[in-house]
Amino acid sequence: MEKVKVLTAKLGFDIHSRGVTVVNRLLRDTGMEVIYLGLFNTPDDIISAVVEEDADVLGLSFLSGEHLVFTPTIVEKMKTNGLEDVLLIAGGTIPVEDIPPMEKMGMNMVFRAGTLSNRFVDFINENVGQK
């Protein structure tokens, strides 16, 4: 079986990368292939990379409060590019009250800062290929 391929990225001007760096390491340590786009990405940059890399999962890290701004844009661009089968997850300092709107927009799962690592690893393993 091929490794699960996860593409992670930071959007906009959010420079806080410690959390996504830790998550990337954990995902690699559990056998997943991780492609990290780094900081200062646009939605177009990210979607192009998902297509080019043929990623199974797109993980977005939000620590800047722009999660409600970027989520609908990313979801729409995923639909436009035929990426509905790609699992879309987010993590970071996201208020609890913002999770239902993000999920309604099309985010498959939101992991708040401090989530136990096995929760997101299990979610990815259980849901890749299920969409």
N, C-alpha and C. Protein backbone atom coordinates (compact mmCIF):
# COMPACT_ATOMS: atom_id res chain seq x y z
N MET A 1 0.83 -1.19 0.00
CA MET A 1 0.00 0.00 0.00
C MET A 1 0.87 1.25 0.00
N GLU A 2 0.50 2.23 -0.81
CA GLU A 2 1.27 3.47 -0.88
C GLU A 2 1.09 4.29 0.40
N LYS A 3 2.11 5.09 0.69
CA LYS A 3 2.03 5.98 1.84
C LYS A 3 0.96 7.03 1.59
N VAL A 4 0.31 7.45 2.66
CA VAL A 4 -0.62 8.57 2.59
C VAL A 4 0.23 9.82 2.37
N LYS A 5 -0.18 10.62 1.38
CA LYS A 5 0.57 11.84 1.05
C LYS A 5 -0.19 13.05 1.59
N VAL A 6 0.45 13.77 2.50
CA VAL A 6 -0.15 14.93 3.15
C VAL A 6 0.61 16.18 2.74
N LEU A 7 -0.11 17.17 2.23
CA LEU A 7 0.48 18.45 1.90
C LEU A 7 0.02 19.44 2.96
N THR A 8 0.96 20.12 3.61
CA THR A 8 0.62 21.10 4.64
C THR A 8 1.12 22.47 4.22
N ALA A 9 0.44 23.50 4.73
CA ALA A 9 0.81 24.86 4.34
C ALA A 9 0.27 25.89 5.32
N LYS A 10 0.88 27.05 5.28
CA LYS A 10 0.43 28.24 5.99
C LYS A 10 -0.03 29.24 4.94
N LEU A 11 -1.13 29.90 5.22
CA LEU A 11 -1.70 30.88 4.29
C LEU A 11 -1.40 32.31 4.73
N GLY A 12 -1.34 33.19 3.75
CA GLY A 12 -1.23 34.61 4.04
C GLY A 12 0.05 34.97 4.76
N PHE A 13 -0.10 35.89 5.72
CA PHE A 13 1.07 36.43 6.41
C PHE A 13 1.31 35.81 7.79
N ASP A 14 0.68 34.69 8.05
CA ASP A 14 0.84 33.98 9.31
C ASP A 14 2.25 33.39 9.37
N ILE A 15 3.04 33.83 10.34
CA ILE A 15 4.44 33.37 10.42
C ILE A 15 4.68 32.35 11.53
N HIS A 16 3.63 31.93 12.22
CA HIS A 16 3.77 31.00 13.34
C HIS A 16 3.81 29.57 12.81
N SER A 17 4.99 28.98 12.79
CA SER A 17 5.15 27.68 12.15
C SER A 17 5.49 26.53 13.09
N ARG A 18 5.64 26.79 14.36
CA ARG A 18 6.05 25.72 15.28
C ARG A 18 5.05 24.57 15.29
N GLY A 19 3.77 24.86 15.40
CA GLY A 19 2.75 23.81 15.45
C GLY A 19 2.75 22.92 14.23
N VAL A 20 2.75 23.53 13.04
CA VAL A 20 2.72 22.74 11.81
C VAL A 20 4.01 21.94 11.65
N THR A 21 5.11 22.47 12.13
CA THR A 21 6.38 21.74 12.06
C THR A 21 6.33 20.49 12.93
N VAL A 22 5.76 20.61 14.12
CA VAL A 22 5.62 19.46 15.01
C VAL A 22 4.68 18.42 14.39
N VAL A 23 3.56 18.89 13.83
CA VAL A 23 2.61 17.97 13.20
C VAL A 23 3.25 17.26 12.01
N ASN A 24 3.99 18.00 11.19
CA ASN A 24 4.67 17.39 10.04
C ASN A 24 5.60 16.26 10.49
N ARG A 25 6.35 16.50 11.53
CA ARG A 25 7.28 15.49 12.05
C ARG A 25 6.51 14.26 12.53
N LEU A 26 5.44 14.49 13.25
CA LEU A 26 4.64 13.38 13.75
C LEU A 26 4.06 12.56 12.60
N LEU A 27 3.52 13.22 11.59
CA LEU A 27 2.95 12.50 10.45
C LEU A 27 4.02 11.68 9.74
N ARG A 28 5.21 12.25 9.57
CA ARG A 28 6.32 11.50 8.96
C ARG A 28 6.69 10.29 9.82
N ASP A 29 6.73 10.51 11.12
CA ASP A 29 7.11 9.42 12.04
C ASP A 29 6.09 8.28 12.04
N THR A 30 4.86 8.56 11.62
CA THR A 30 3.84 7.50 11.55
C THR A 30 3.77 6.88 10.16
N GLY A 31 4.71 7.26 9.28
CA GLY A 31 4.80 6.63 7.97
C GLY A 31 4.16 7.38 6.81
N MET A 32 3.68 8.57 7.06
CA MET A 32 3.07 9.35 5.98
C MET A 32 4.14 10.15 5.25
N GLU A 33 3.88 10.41 3.98
CA GLU A 33 4.74 11.31 3.21
C GLU A 33 4.19 12.72 3.40
N VAL A 34 5.05 13.65 3.78
CA VAL A 34 4.61 15.02 4.07
C VAL A 34 5.35 15.99 3.17
N ILE A 35 4.59 16.84 2.50
CA ILE A 35 5.14 17.93 1.71
C ILE A 35 4.70 19.22 2.39
N TYR A 36 5.66 20.01 2.87
CA TYR A 36 5.34 21.26 3.56
C TYR A 36 5.69 22.43 2.65
N LEU A 37 4.69 23.23 2.33
CA LEU A 37 4.91 24.38 1.45
C LEU A 37 5.51 25.58 2.16
N GLY A 38 5.50 25.57 3.47
CA GLY A 38 6.07 26.67 4.21
C GLY A 38 5.10 27.82 4.40
N LEU A 39 5.67 29.01 4.58
CA LEU A 39 4.91 30.21 4.91
C LEU A 39 4.53 31.01 3.67
N PHE A 40 3.60 31.93 3.87
CA PHE A 40 3.23 32.97 2.90
C PHE A 40 2.64 32.43 1.59
N ASN A 41 1.83 31.40 1.68
CA ASN A 41 1.21 30.82 0.49
C ASN A 41 -0.13 31.48 0.18
N THR A 42 -0.47 31.50 -1.09
CA THR A 42 -1.80 31.93 -1.52
C THR A 42 -2.64 30.67 -1.73
N PRO A 43 -3.96 30.82 -1.77
CA PRO A 43 -4.79 29.65 -2.09
C PRO A 43 -4.40 29.02 -3.43
N ASP A 44 -4.09 29.84 -4.43
CA ASP A 44 -3.69 29.29 -5.74
C ASP A 44 -2.40 28.48 -5.64
N ASP A 45 -1.42 28.97 -4.86
CA ASP A 45 -0.17 28.22 -4.65
C ASP A 45 -0.47 26.84 -4.08
N ILE A 46 -1.32 26.82 -3.09
CA ILE A 46 -1.62 25.57 -2.38
C ILE A 46 -2.35 24.59 -3.28
N ILE A 47 -3.37 25.07 -3.98
CA ILE A 47 -4.15 24.17 -4.85
C ILE A 47 -3.27 23.63 -5.97
N SER A 48 -2.43 24.47 -6.55
CA SER A 48 -1.50 23.99 -7.59
C SER A 48 -0.61 22.88 -7.06
N ALA A 49 -0.12 23.04 -5.83
CA ALA A 49 0.75 22.02 -5.24
C ALA A 49 -0.01 20.73 -4.95
N VAL A 50 -1.26 20.83 -4.50
CA VAL A 50 -2.07 19.63 -4.25
C VAL A 50 -2.23 18.84 -5.54
N VAL A 51 -2.51 19.56 -6.63
CA VAL A 51 -2.67 18.90 -7.94
C VAL A 51 -1.35 18.28 -8.37
N GLU A 52 -0.27 19.06 -8.34
CA GLU A 52 1.04 18.59 -8.79
C GLU A 52 1.53 17.39 -7.99
N GLU A 53 1.33 17.43 -6.68
CA GLU A 53 1.83 16.36 -5.80
C GLU A 53 0.86 15.18 -5.69
N ASP A 54 -0.36 15.34 -6.21
CA ASP A 54 -1.39 14.30 -6.10
C ASP A 54 -1.59 13.90 -4.64
N ALA A 55 -1.79 14.93 -3.80
CA ALA A 55 -1.91 14.72 -2.36
C ALA A 55 -3.24 14.06 -1.99
N ASP A 56 -3.20 13.26 -0.94
CA ASP A 56 -4.40 12.64 -0.38
C ASP A 56 -5.08 13.55 0.64
N VAL A 57 -4.26 14.38 1.29
CA VAL A 57 -4.73 15.23 2.38
C VAL A 57 -4.13 16.62 2.20
N LEU A 58 -4.96 17.64 2.45
CA LEU A 58 -4.47 19.01 2.53
C LEU A 58 -4.69 19.48 3.96
N GLY A 59 -3.60 19.81 4.64
CA GLY A 59 -3.66 20.29 6.02
C GLY A 59 -3.25 21.74 6.08
N LEU A 60 -4.13 22.57 6.60
CA LEU A 60 -3.87 24.00 6.71
C LEU A 60 -3.70 24.38 8.17
N SER A 61 -2.69 25.20 8.45
CA SER A 61 -2.42 25.65 9.80
C SER A 61 -2.83 27.11 9.92
N PHE A 62 -3.70 27.39 10.90
CA PHE A 62 -4.20 28.75 11.10
C PHE A 62 -3.89 29.22 12.52
N LEU A 63 -3.08 30.26 12.62
CA LEU A 63 -2.83 30.89 13.90
C LEU A 63 -3.05 32.39 13.83
N SER A 64 -3.56 32.86 12.70
CA SER A 64 -3.68 34.30 12.48
C SER A 64 -5.11 34.81 12.53
N GLY A 65 -6.07 33.92 12.75
CA GLY A 65 -7.46 34.34 12.78
C GLY A 65 -8.12 34.47 11.42
N GLU A 66 -7.48 33.99 10.37
CA GLU A 66 -8.03 34.13 9.02
C GLU A 66 -8.69 32.85 8.51
N HIS A 67 -8.96 31.91 9.39
CA HIS A 67 -9.53 30.62 8.98
C HIS A 67 -10.90 30.75 8.32
N LEU A 68 -11.73 31.68 8.77
CA LEU A 68 -13.05 31.85 8.16
C LEU A 68 -12.97 32.58 6.82
N VAL A 69 -11.88 33.30 6.60
CA VAL A 69 -11.68 34.00 5.33
C VAL A 69 -11.16 33.02 4.28
N PHE A 70 -10.16 32.22 4.64
CA PHE A 70 -9.51 31.35 3.66
C PHE A 70 -10.24 30.03 3.39
N THR A 71 -10.99 29.51 4.35
CA THR A 71 -11.63 28.21 4.15
C THR A 71 -12.54 28.17 2.93
N PRO A 72 -13.49 29.12 2.76
CA PRO A 72 -14.36 29.02 1.58
C PRO A 72 -13.60 29.15 0.27
N THR A 73 -12.55 29.95 0.26
CA THR A 73 -11.75 30.11 -0.96
C THR A 73 -11.05 28.80 -1.31
N ILE A 74 -10.44 28.17 -0.33
CA ILE A 74 -9.76 26.89 -0.56
C ILE A 74 -10.75 25.83 -1.03
N VAL A 75 -11.90 25.73 -0.36
CA VAL A 75 -12.90 24.73 -0.73
C VAL A 75 -13.38 24.95 -2.16
N GLU A 76 -13.65 26.18 -2.53
CA GLU A 76 -14.12 26.48 -3.89
C GLU A 76 -13.05 26.12 -4.92
N LYS A 77 -11.80 26.45 -4.64
CA LYS A 77 -10.72 26.13 -5.58
C LYS A 77 -10.50 24.61 -5.67
N MET A 78 -10.73 23.90 -4.58
CA MET A 78 -10.62 22.44 -4.62
C MET A 78 -11.70 21.87 -5.54
N LYS A 79 -12.92 22.39 -5.41
CA LYS A 79 -14.02 21.92 -6.26
C LYS A 79 -13.74 22.23 -7.72
N THR A 80 -13.29 23.44 -8.00
CA THR A 80 -12.98 23.86 -9.36
C THR A 80 -11.92 22.97 -10.01
N ASN A 81 -11.00 22.48 -9.20
CA ASN A 81 -9.90 21.65 -9.70
C ASN A 81 -10.13 20.15 -9.54
N GLY A 82 -11.36 19.76 -9.22
CA GLY A 82 -11.69 18.34 -9.12
C GLY A 82 -11.02 17.63 -7.96
N LEU A 83 -10.84 18.33 -6.86
CA LEU A 83 -10.12 17.77 -5.71
C LEU A 83 -11.06 17.41 -4.56
N GLU A 84 -12.31 17.10 -4.86
CA GLU A 84 -13.27 16.77 -3.81
C GLU A 84 -12.89 15.52 -3.03
N ASP A 85 -12.04 14.67 -3.61
CA ASP A 85 -11.63 13.45 -2.91
C ASP A 85 -10.46 13.67 -1.96
N VAL A 86 -9.88 14.86 -1.97
CA VAL A 86 -8.77 15.19 -1.07
C VAL A 86 -9.34 15.56 0.30
N LEU A 87 -8.83 14.94 1.34
CA LEU A 87 -9.27 15.22 2.70
C LEU A 87 -8.74 16.59 3.10
N LEU A 88 -9.62 17.47 3.57
CA LEU A 88 -9.25 18.83 3.95
C LEU A 88 -9.36 18.98 5.46
N ILE A 89 -8.22 19.24 6.10
CA ILE A 89 -8.19 19.40 7.55
C ILE A 89 -7.48 20.70 7.90
N ALA A 90 -7.80 21.20 9.09
CA ALA A 90 -7.16 22.42 9.57
C ALA A 90 -6.80 22.25 11.03
N GLY A 91 -5.82 23.01 11.45
CA GLY A 91 -5.42 23.01 12.84
C GLY A 91 -4.93 24.37 13.25
N GLY A 92 -4.91 24.60 14.56
CA GLY A 92 -4.39 25.86 15.06
C GLY A 92 -5.24 26.44 16.16
N THR A 93 -5.08 27.74 16.35
CA THR A 93 -5.83 28.45 17.39
C THR A 93 -7.16 28.91 16.80
N ILE A 94 -8.07 27.98 16.71
CA ILE A 94 -9.37 28.22 16.09
C ILE A 94 -10.42 28.16 17.20
N PRO A 95 -11.19 29.23 17.38
CA PRO A 95 -12.22 29.22 18.42
C PRO A 95 -13.25 28.11 18.18
N VAL A 96 -13.71 27.51 19.26
CA VAL A 96 -14.68 26.42 19.18
C VAL A 96 -15.90 26.82 18.35
N GLU A 97 -16.36 28.05 18.52
CA GLU A 97 -17.56 28.50 17.80
C GLU A 97 -17.34 28.64 16.29
N ASP A 98 -16.10 28.66 15.85
CA ASP A 98 -15.82 28.76 14.41
C ASP A 98 -15.75 27.39 13.72
N ILE A 99 -15.71 26.32 14.48
CA ILE A 99 -15.58 24.99 13.88
C ILE A 99 -16.82 24.59 13.08
N PRO A 100 -18.04 24.71 13.61
CA PRO A 100 -19.21 24.35 12.79
C PRO A 100 -19.31 25.13 11.48
N PRO A 101 -19.07 26.45 11.47
CA PRO A 101 -19.11 27.15 10.18
C PRO A 101 -18.04 26.64 9.20
N MET A 102 -16.85 26.32 9.71
CA MET A 102 -15.80 25.80 8.84
C MET A 102 -16.20 24.45 8.25
N GLU A 103 -16.78 23.60 9.08
CA GLU A 103 -17.22 22.29 8.59
C GLU A 103 -18.36 22.44 7.58
N LYS A 104 -19.24 23.40 7.82
CA LYS A 104 -20.34 23.65 6.88
C LYS A 104 -19.79 24.14 5.53
N MET A 105 -18.70 24.89 5.57
CA MET A 105 -18.07 25.37 4.34
C MET A 105 -17.41 24.25 3.55
N GLY A 106 -17.08 23.14 4.22
CA GLY A 106 -16.45 22.03 3.52
C GLY A 106 -15.19 21.49 4.16
N MET A 107 -14.79 22.04 5.29
CA MET A 107 -13.63 21.52 6.02
C MET A 107 -14.01 20.17 6.61
N ASN A 108 -13.22 19.13 6.37
CA ASN A 108 -13.56 17.80 6.87
C ASN A 108 -13.34 17.64 8.37
N MET A 109 -12.33 18.32 8.90
CA MET A 109 -12.09 18.24 10.35
C MET A 109 -11.21 19.41 10.76
N VAL A 110 -11.48 19.91 11.97
CA VAL A 110 -10.69 20.99 12.55
C VAL A 110 -10.11 20.48 13.86
N PHE A 111 -8.80 20.63 14.00
CA PHE A 111 -8.11 20.22 15.21
C PHE A 111 -7.57 21.48 15.88
N ARG A 112 -8.04 21.73 17.09
CA ARG A 112 -7.58 22.90 17.82
C ARG A 112 -6.21 22.64 18.44
N ALA A 113 -5.51 23.72 18.73
CA ALA A 113 -4.21 23.61 19.39
C ALA A 113 -4.36 22.75 20.64
N GLY A 114 -3.43 21.84 20.84
CA GLY A 114 -3.46 20.96 22.00
C GLY A 114 -4.13 19.63 21.76
N THR A 115 -4.64 19.40 20.55
CA THR A 115 -5.27 18.11 20.23
C THR A 115 -4.23 17.00 20.37
N LEU A 116 -4.63 15.90 20.96
CA LEU A 116 -3.72 14.77 21.07
C LEU A 116 -3.36 14.26 19.68
N SER A 117 -2.09 13.96 19.49
CA SER A 117 -1.59 13.59 18.17
C SER A 117 -2.27 12.38 17.58
N ASN A 118 -2.64 11.41 18.39
CA ASN A 118 -3.27 10.22 17.84
C ASN A 118 -4.63 10.53 17.22
N ARG A 119 -5.29 11.60 17.66
CA ARG A 119 -6.60 11.95 17.09
C ARG A 119 -6.49 12.32 15.63
N PHE A 120 -5.51 13.17 15.26
CA PHE A 120 -5.45 13.55 13.85
C PHE A 120 -4.82 12.48 12.99
N VAL A 121 -3.88 11.71 13.53
CA VAL A 121 -3.31 10.59 12.77
C VAL A 121 -4.41 9.56 12.48
N ASP A 122 -5.19 9.22 13.50
CA ASP A 122 -6.28 8.26 13.32
C ASP A 122 -7.31 8.79 12.33
N PHE A 123 -7.66 10.08 12.43
CA PHE A 123 -8.64 10.65 11.52
C PHE A 123 -8.17 10.54 10.07
N ILE A 124 -6.93 10.87 9.83
CA ILE A 124 -6.40 10.78 8.46
C ILE A 124 -6.44 9.33 7.99
N ASN A 125 -5.91 8.42 8.79
CA ASN A 125 -5.87 7.01 8.38
C ASN A 125 -7.26 6.43 8.13
N GLU A 126 -8.22 6.84 8.93
CA GLU A 126 -9.58 6.31 8.79
C GLU A 126 -10.36 6.94 7.64
N ASN A 127 -9.97 8.13 7.20
CA ASN A 127 -10.79 8.86 6.23
C ASN A 127 -10.18 9.05 4.86
N VAL A 128 -8.89 8.82 4.69
CA VAL A 128 -8.31 8.94 3.35
C VAL A 128 -8.95 7.89 2.45
N GLY A 129 -9.41 8.34 1.30
CA GLY A 129 -10.04 7.43 0.35
C GLY A 129 -11.50 7.16 0.62
N GLN A 130 -12.06 7.76 1.65
CA GLN A 130 -13.46 7.54 2.00
C GLN A 130 -14.39 8.60 1.43
N LYS A 131 -13.83 9.64 0.86
CA LYS A 131 -14.67 10.73 0.34
C LYS A 131 -15.22 10.40 -1.02
